[in-house]
Amino acid sequence: MIWSARPFYAVAILLASFAPLLATRLARAPSAPTAVSDRMGLTLGEDDRHHIVVTSLRSGGVADRDGIAVGDQLTGMAGRPATTLEAVRRLVRAPGHCAMPLMLVRHGIPYRAIIWQCGKASIG
C-alpha cells in the first residue's frame, strides 16, 4: 500500500503550531527588579537568596575601572546596610553623596570600595 504524504504534512504543521501557542500561554517569571546608577557605572539586582549583587558594569565606568566585579554582593552603603534595592536607590539618589562608601563581598571575602560619583573611585 502506498501512503500519501499529504496527511503527514498536515500532522507536521499541526504539531509545529503547538510550540508557539504553548510559549505564549506559559507563565513567565517576572523580570528581576534592578537598581541602576549611571554615576557609579553599575547595575544592581537580587540573586536567588535575595542578596543585592552587582549584575553589570558599564565598560570603563568608575566601578569597572577600580575592580568591582559582576557577582560581588553589596552588603552596605554609606554606613547603612543594603537590605533592599529600594533602599539602595534612595541612597544613590540622595543629594550630597559625592563619595559613596560601599561594603562588598567577593567569594566570601568582604572588602570596601569608595565610589566617587563625581568621577573617581578607590578600593581598599
N, C-alpha and C. Protein backbone atom coordinates (compact mmCIF):
# COMPACT_ATOMS: atom_id res chain seq x y z
N MET A 1 0.83 -1.17 0.00
CA MET A 1 0.00 0.00 0.00
C MET A 1 0.89 1.24 0.00
N ILE A 2 0.57 2.19 -0.81
CA ILE A 2 1.32 3.44 -0.92
C ILE A 2 0.58 4.52 -0.14
N TRP A 3 1.33 5.17 0.74
CA TRP A 3 0.74 6.22 1.56
C TRP A 3 0.97 7.58 0.92
N SER A 4 -0.01 8.40 1.02
CA SER A 4 0.11 9.77 0.52
C SER A 4 0.85 10.62 1.57
N ALA A 5 1.67 11.52 1.12
CA ALA A 5 2.44 12.39 2.02
C ALA A 5 1.59 13.51 2.61
N ARG A 6 0.46 13.77 2.02
CA ARG A 6 -0.38 14.88 2.45
C ARG A 6 -0.79 14.79 3.92
N PRO A 7 -1.26 13.64 4.45
CA PRO A 7 -1.64 13.59 5.87
C PRO A 7 -0.44 13.82 6.80
N PHE A 8 0.74 13.36 6.40
CA PHE A 8 1.93 13.55 7.23
C PHE A 8 2.29 15.04 7.32
N TYR A 9 2.20 15.75 6.22
CA TYR A 9 2.47 17.19 6.22
C TYR A 9 1.47 17.93 7.11
N ALA A 10 0.22 17.51 7.05
CA ALA A 10 -0.81 18.15 7.87
C ALA A 10 -0.52 17.95 9.35
N VAL A 11 -0.13 16.74 9.72
CA VAL A 11 0.20 16.45 11.12
C VAL A 11 1.44 17.24 11.54
N ALA A 12 2.44 17.31 10.68
CA ALA A 12 3.67 18.05 11.00
C ALA A 12 3.38 19.53 11.21
N ILE A 13 2.56 20.11 10.37
CA ILE A 13 2.20 21.53 10.52
C ILE A 13 1.41 21.75 11.80
N LEU A 14 0.51 20.85 12.10
CA LEU A 14 -0.29 20.95 13.32
C LEU A 14 0.61 20.89 14.56
N LEU A 15 1.53 19.93 14.58
CA LEU A 15 2.44 19.81 15.72
C LEU A 15 3.36 21.02 15.84
N ALA A 16 3.82 21.53 14.73
CA ALA A 16 4.71 22.69 14.75
C ALA A 16 4.00 23.93 15.28
N SER A 17 2.71 24.01 15.12
CA SER A 17 1.97 25.19 15.59
C SER A 17 1.77 25.17 17.10
N PHE A 18 1.94 24.02 17.75
CA PHE A 18 1.74 23.96 19.20
C PHE A 18 2.83 24.70 19.98
N ALA A 19 4.06 24.66 19.51
CA ALA A 19 5.15 25.30 20.26
C ALA A 19 4.92 26.80 20.46
N PRO A 20 4.61 27.57 19.40
CA PRO A 20 4.35 29.00 19.64
C PRO A 20 3.12 29.24 20.51
N LEU A 21 2.10 28.40 20.36
CA LEU A 21 0.91 28.56 21.20
C LEU A 21 1.24 28.32 22.66
N LEU A 22 1.99 27.28 22.95
CA LEU A 22 2.36 27.00 24.32
C LEU A 22 3.26 28.09 24.89
N ALA A 23 4.15 28.59 24.09
CA ALA A 23 5.08 29.63 24.56
C ALA A 23 4.34 30.89 24.99
N THR A 24 3.25 31.22 24.32
CA THR A 24 2.50 32.42 24.70
C THR A 24 1.59 32.17 25.89
N ARG A 25 1.28 30.93 26.19
CA ARG A 25 0.38 30.60 27.29
C ARG A 25 1.09 30.30 28.60
N LEU A 26 2.35 29.90 28.54
CA LEU A 26 3.07 29.53 29.75
C LEU A 26 3.37 30.77 30.58
N ALA A 27 3.31 30.60 31.89
CA ALA A 27 3.62 31.71 32.78
C ALA A 27 5.11 32.03 32.69
N ARG A 28 5.41 33.28 32.67
CA ARG A 28 6.80 33.72 32.63
C ARG A 28 7.16 34.31 33.98
N ALA A 29 8.38 34.08 34.38
CA ALA A 29 8.85 34.66 35.64
C ALA A 29 8.95 36.17 35.46
N PRO A 30 8.53 36.92 36.46
CA PRO A 30 8.66 38.37 36.34
C PRO A 30 10.13 38.75 36.28
N SER A 31 10.42 39.81 35.54
CA SER A 31 11.81 40.23 35.45
C SER A 31 12.26 40.76 36.80
N ALA A 32 13.49 40.46 37.14
CA ALA A 32 14.03 40.87 38.43
C ALA A 32 14.20 42.39 38.46
N PRO A 33 13.80 43.00 39.56
CA PRO A 33 13.99 44.44 39.65
C PRO A 33 15.47 44.77 39.72
N THR A 34 15.82 45.93 39.23
CA THR A 34 17.22 46.34 39.25
C THR A 34 17.33 47.77 39.74
N ALA A 35 18.50 48.09 40.23
CA ALA A 35 18.83 49.46 40.58
C ALA A 35 20.02 49.85 39.72
N VAL A 36 19.89 50.94 39.02
CA VAL A 36 20.94 51.36 38.10
C VAL A 36 21.52 52.68 38.59
N SER A 37 22.82 52.78 38.55
CA SER A 37 23.46 54.05 38.86
C SER A 37 24.39 54.42 37.73
N ASP A 38 24.00 55.40 36.94
CA ASP A 38 24.87 55.88 35.87
C ASP A 38 26.11 56.55 36.45
N ARG A 39 25.93 57.23 37.56
CA ARG A 39 27.07 57.92 38.16
C ARG A 39 28.10 56.93 38.67
N MET A 40 27.67 55.78 39.17
CA MET A 40 28.59 54.78 39.70
C MET A 40 29.01 53.77 38.64
N GLY A 41 28.29 53.69 37.54
CA GLY A 41 28.66 52.80 36.45
C GLY A 41 28.37 51.34 36.72
N LEU A 42 27.31 51.06 37.47
CA LEU A 42 26.96 49.67 37.74
C LEU A 42 25.46 49.48 37.83
N THR A 43 25.05 48.23 37.70
CA THR A 43 23.65 47.84 37.86
C THR A 43 23.58 46.80 38.96
N LEU A 44 22.61 46.94 39.85
CA LEU A 44 22.43 46.01 40.95
C LEU A 44 21.12 45.26 40.78
N GLY A 45 21.09 44.04 41.29
CA GLY A 45 19.87 43.23 41.28
C GLY A 45 19.90 42.28 42.46
N GLU A 46 18.89 41.44 42.57
CA GLU A 46 18.84 40.45 43.64
C GLU A 46 19.15 39.08 43.09
N ASP A 47 19.93 38.29 43.86
CA ASP A 47 20.17 36.92 43.45
C ASP A 47 19.06 36.04 44.02
N ASP A 48 19.17 34.72 43.84
CA ASP A 48 18.11 33.82 44.27
C ASP A 48 17.98 33.75 45.79
N ARG A 49 18.97 34.23 46.54
CA ARG A 49 18.90 34.27 48.00
C ARG A 49 18.52 35.66 48.51
N HIS A 50 18.10 36.53 47.59
CA HIS A 50 17.67 37.91 47.89
C HIS A 50 18.81 38.79 48.39
N HIS A 51 20.04 38.45 48.03
CA HIS A 51 21.17 39.33 48.29
C HIS A 51 21.27 40.33 47.15
N ILE A 52 21.71 41.52 47.46
CA ILE A 52 21.90 42.53 46.41
C ILE A 52 23.28 42.32 45.82
N VAL A 53 23.31 42.11 44.51
CA VAL A 53 24.57 41.81 43.82
C VAL A 53 24.75 42.72 42.61
N VAL A 54 26.00 42.88 42.21
CA VAL A 54 26.32 43.64 41.00
C VAL A 54 25.98 42.75 39.81
N THR A 55 25.08 43.22 38.95
CA THR A 55 24.65 42.42 37.80
C THR A 55 25.31 42.84 36.50
N SER A 56 25.77 44.07 36.42
CA SER A 56 26.51 44.51 35.23
C SER A 56 27.30 45.76 35.57
N LEU A 57 28.31 46.00 34.75
CA LEU A 57 29.16 47.18 34.90
C LEU A 57 29.22 47.90 33.57
N ARG A 58 29.26 49.21 33.63
CA ARG A 58 29.48 49.98 32.41
C ARG A 58 30.96 49.90 32.08
N SER A 59 31.27 49.45 30.88
CA SER A 59 32.66 49.29 30.46
C SER A 59 33.39 50.62 30.57
N GLY A 60 34.47 50.62 31.32
CA GLY A 60 35.24 51.84 31.51
C GLY A 60 34.66 52.78 32.54
N GLY A 61 33.55 52.39 33.17
CA GLY A 61 32.93 53.22 34.19
C GLY A 61 33.73 53.21 35.48
N VAL A 62 33.29 54.01 36.43
CA VAL A 62 34.01 54.17 37.69
C VAL A 62 34.17 52.83 38.40
N ALA A 63 33.10 52.07 38.56
CA ALA A 63 33.17 50.79 39.26
C ALA A 63 34.02 49.78 38.50
N ASP A 64 33.92 49.75 37.19
CA ASP A 64 34.69 48.83 36.35
C ASP A 64 36.18 49.13 36.44
N ARG A 65 36.54 50.37 36.37
CA ARG A 65 37.96 50.76 36.39
C ARG A 65 38.66 50.37 37.68
N ASP A 66 37.91 50.34 38.75
CA ASP A 66 38.55 50.14 40.05
C ASP A 66 38.26 48.81 40.71
N GLY A 67 37.90 47.80 39.92
CA GLY A 67 37.92 46.44 40.43
C GLY A 67 36.63 45.85 40.96
N ILE A 68 35.54 46.57 40.98
CA ILE A 68 34.28 45.95 41.36
C ILE A 68 33.89 45.01 40.24
N ALA A 69 33.41 43.81 40.60
CA ALA A 69 33.13 42.79 39.59
C ALA A 69 31.67 42.37 39.62
N VAL A 70 31.19 41.90 38.48
CA VAL A 70 29.84 41.33 38.41
C VAL A 70 29.80 40.13 39.35
N GLY A 71 28.75 40.05 40.15
CA GLY A 71 28.61 38.96 41.12
C GLY A 71 28.99 39.36 42.53
N ASP A 72 29.68 40.49 42.70
CA ASP A 72 30.01 40.96 44.04
C ASP A 72 28.71 41.30 44.77
N GLN A 73 28.65 40.92 46.05
CA GLN A 73 27.46 41.18 46.86
C GLN A 73 27.63 42.50 47.59
N LEU A 74 26.63 43.36 47.48
CA LEU A 74 26.63 44.64 48.19
C LEU A 74 25.98 44.42 49.55
N THR A 75 26.75 44.65 50.63
CA THR A 75 26.21 44.45 51.98
C THR A 75 25.92 45.76 52.70
N GLY A 76 26.57 46.83 52.29
CA GLY A 76 26.34 48.11 52.94
C GLY A 76 26.71 49.26 52.03
N MET A 77 26.12 50.41 52.35
CA MET A 77 26.32 51.58 51.51
C MET A 77 26.16 52.82 52.38
N ALA A 78 27.15 53.70 52.36
CA ALA A 78 27.10 54.95 53.13
C ALA A 78 26.83 54.67 54.61
N GLY A 79 27.45 53.60 55.15
CA GLY A 79 27.30 53.28 56.56
C GLY A 79 25.99 52.62 56.93
N ARG A 80 25.18 52.29 55.97
CA ARG A 80 23.88 51.64 56.23
C ARG A 80 23.85 50.28 55.56
N PRO A 81 23.13 49.31 56.14
CA PRO A 81 23.03 48.00 55.49
C PRO A 81 22.23 48.10 54.19
N ALA A 82 22.69 47.38 53.19
CA ALA A 82 21.98 47.34 51.90
C ALA A 82 21.01 46.16 51.95
N THR A 83 19.80 46.42 52.41
CA THR A 83 18.83 45.34 52.61
C THR A 83 17.87 45.18 51.45
N THR A 84 17.53 46.28 50.78
CA THR A 84 16.60 46.22 49.65
C THR A 84 17.11 47.10 48.51
N LEU A 85 16.67 46.78 47.31
CA LEU A 85 17.04 47.61 46.17
C LEU A 85 16.47 49.01 46.29
N GLU A 86 15.29 49.12 46.86
CA GLU A 86 14.68 50.45 47.01
C GLU A 86 15.51 51.32 47.96
N ALA A 87 16.01 50.73 49.04
CA ALA A 87 16.86 51.48 49.97
C ALA A 87 18.14 51.93 49.28
N VAL A 88 18.71 51.07 48.45
CA VAL A 88 19.92 51.42 47.71
C VAL A 88 19.63 52.55 46.73
N ARG A 89 18.49 52.48 46.03
CA ARG A 89 18.10 53.55 45.10
C ARG A 89 18.03 54.89 45.82
N ARG A 90 17.40 54.89 46.99
CA ARG A 90 17.26 56.14 47.75
C ARG A 90 18.63 56.71 48.14
N LEU A 91 19.54 55.83 48.57
CA LEU A 91 20.87 56.31 48.96
C LEU A 91 21.65 56.86 47.77
N VAL A 92 21.55 56.19 46.63
CA VAL A 92 22.28 56.65 45.44
C VAL A 92 21.75 58.00 44.98
N ARG A 93 20.44 58.18 45.06
CA ARG A 93 19.83 59.42 44.57
C ARG A 93 19.92 60.57 45.57
N ALA A 94 20.28 60.26 46.81
CA ALA A 94 20.33 61.31 47.83
C ALA A 94 21.37 62.35 47.47
N PRO A 95 21.03 63.62 47.61
CA PRO A 95 21.99 64.68 47.29
C PRO A 95 23.12 64.70 48.31
N GLY A 96 24.26 65.21 47.87
CA GLY A 96 25.38 65.39 48.79
C GLY A 96 26.28 64.18 48.98
N HIS A 97 26.09 63.12 48.21
CA HIS A 97 26.95 61.94 48.32
C HIS A 97 27.89 61.87 47.13
N CYS A 98 28.95 62.65 47.17
CA CYS A 98 29.94 62.56 46.10
C CYS A 98 30.78 61.31 46.31
N ALA A 99 31.20 61.06 47.55
CA ALA A 99 31.94 59.84 47.89
C ALA A 99 30.95 58.86 48.50
N MET A 100 30.78 57.70 47.86
CA MET A 100 29.82 56.70 48.33
C MET A 100 30.58 55.46 48.80
N PRO A 101 30.76 55.28 50.12
CA PRO A 101 31.44 54.09 50.61
C PRO A 101 30.54 52.86 50.46
N LEU A 102 31.10 51.82 49.87
CA LEU A 102 30.37 50.56 49.66
C LEU A 102 31.06 49.44 50.42
N MET A 103 30.28 48.58 51.03
CA MET A 103 30.80 47.35 51.62
C MET A 103 30.34 46.21 50.72
N LEU A 104 31.30 45.44 50.22
CA LEU A 104 31.00 44.36 49.28
C LEU A 104 31.64 43.06 49.75
N VAL A 105 31.16 41.96 49.21
CA VAL A 105 31.72 40.64 49.49
C VAL A 105 31.96 39.95 48.16
N ARG A 106 33.19 39.43 47.99
CA ARG A 106 33.52 38.66 46.79
C ARG A 106 34.08 37.31 47.24
N HIS A 107 33.43 36.24 46.84
CA HIS A 107 33.86 34.88 47.20
C HIS A 107 34.02 34.73 48.71
N GLY A 108 33.10 35.33 49.47
CA GLY A 108 33.12 35.22 50.92
C GLY A 108 34.07 36.17 51.63
N ILE A 109 34.81 36.97 50.89
CA ILE A 109 35.78 37.90 51.48
C ILE A 109 35.25 39.32 51.38
N PRO A 110 35.00 39.97 52.53
CA PRO A 110 34.50 41.34 52.49
C PRO A 110 35.59 42.33 52.07
N TYR A 111 35.18 43.35 51.35
CA TYR A 111 36.09 44.44 51.02
C TYR A 111 35.31 45.73 50.92
N ARG A 112 36.04 46.83 50.95
CA ARG A 112 35.41 48.15 50.93
C ARG A 112 35.83 48.89 49.67
N ALA A 113 34.90 49.58 49.08
CA ALA A 113 35.19 50.43 47.92
C ALA A 113 34.56 51.79 48.17
N ILE A 114 35.23 52.81 47.76
CA ILE A 114 34.65 54.16 47.83
C ILE A 114 34.47 54.62 46.39
N ILE A 115 33.23 54.76 45.99
CA ILE A 115 32.91 55.22 44.65
C ILE A 115 32.72 56.72 44.71
N TRP A 116 33.49 57.41 43.93
CA TRP A 116 33.35 58.85 43.82
C TRP A 116 32.38 59.10 42.67
N GLN A 117 31.15 59.40 43.01
CA GLN A 117 30.13 59.62 41.98
C GLN A 117 30.41 60.88 41.18
N CYS A 118 31.39 61.62 41.62
CA CYS A 118 31.79 62.82 40.88
C CYS A 118 32.89 62.49 39.88
N GLY A 119 33.26 61.19 39.77
CA GLY A 119 34.20 60.81 38.72
C GLY A 119 35.40 59.97 39.11
N LYS A 120 35.60 59.64 40.38
CA LYS A 120 36.76 58.85 40.80
C LYS A 120 36.27 57.62 41.56
N ALA A 121 37.19 56.68 41.83
CA ALA A 121 36.87 55.53 42.69
C ALA A 121 38.12 55.06 43.40
N SER A 122 37.92 54.40 44.51
CA SER A 122 39.05 53.87 45.25
C SER A 122 38.61 52.61 45.98
N ILE A 123 39.46 51.59 45.94
CA ILE A 123 39.16 50.30 46.58
C ILE A 123 40.14 50.11 47.72
N GLY A 124 39.62 49.64 48.86
CA GLY A 124 40.51 49.41 49.99
C GLY A 124 40.19 48.14 50.71
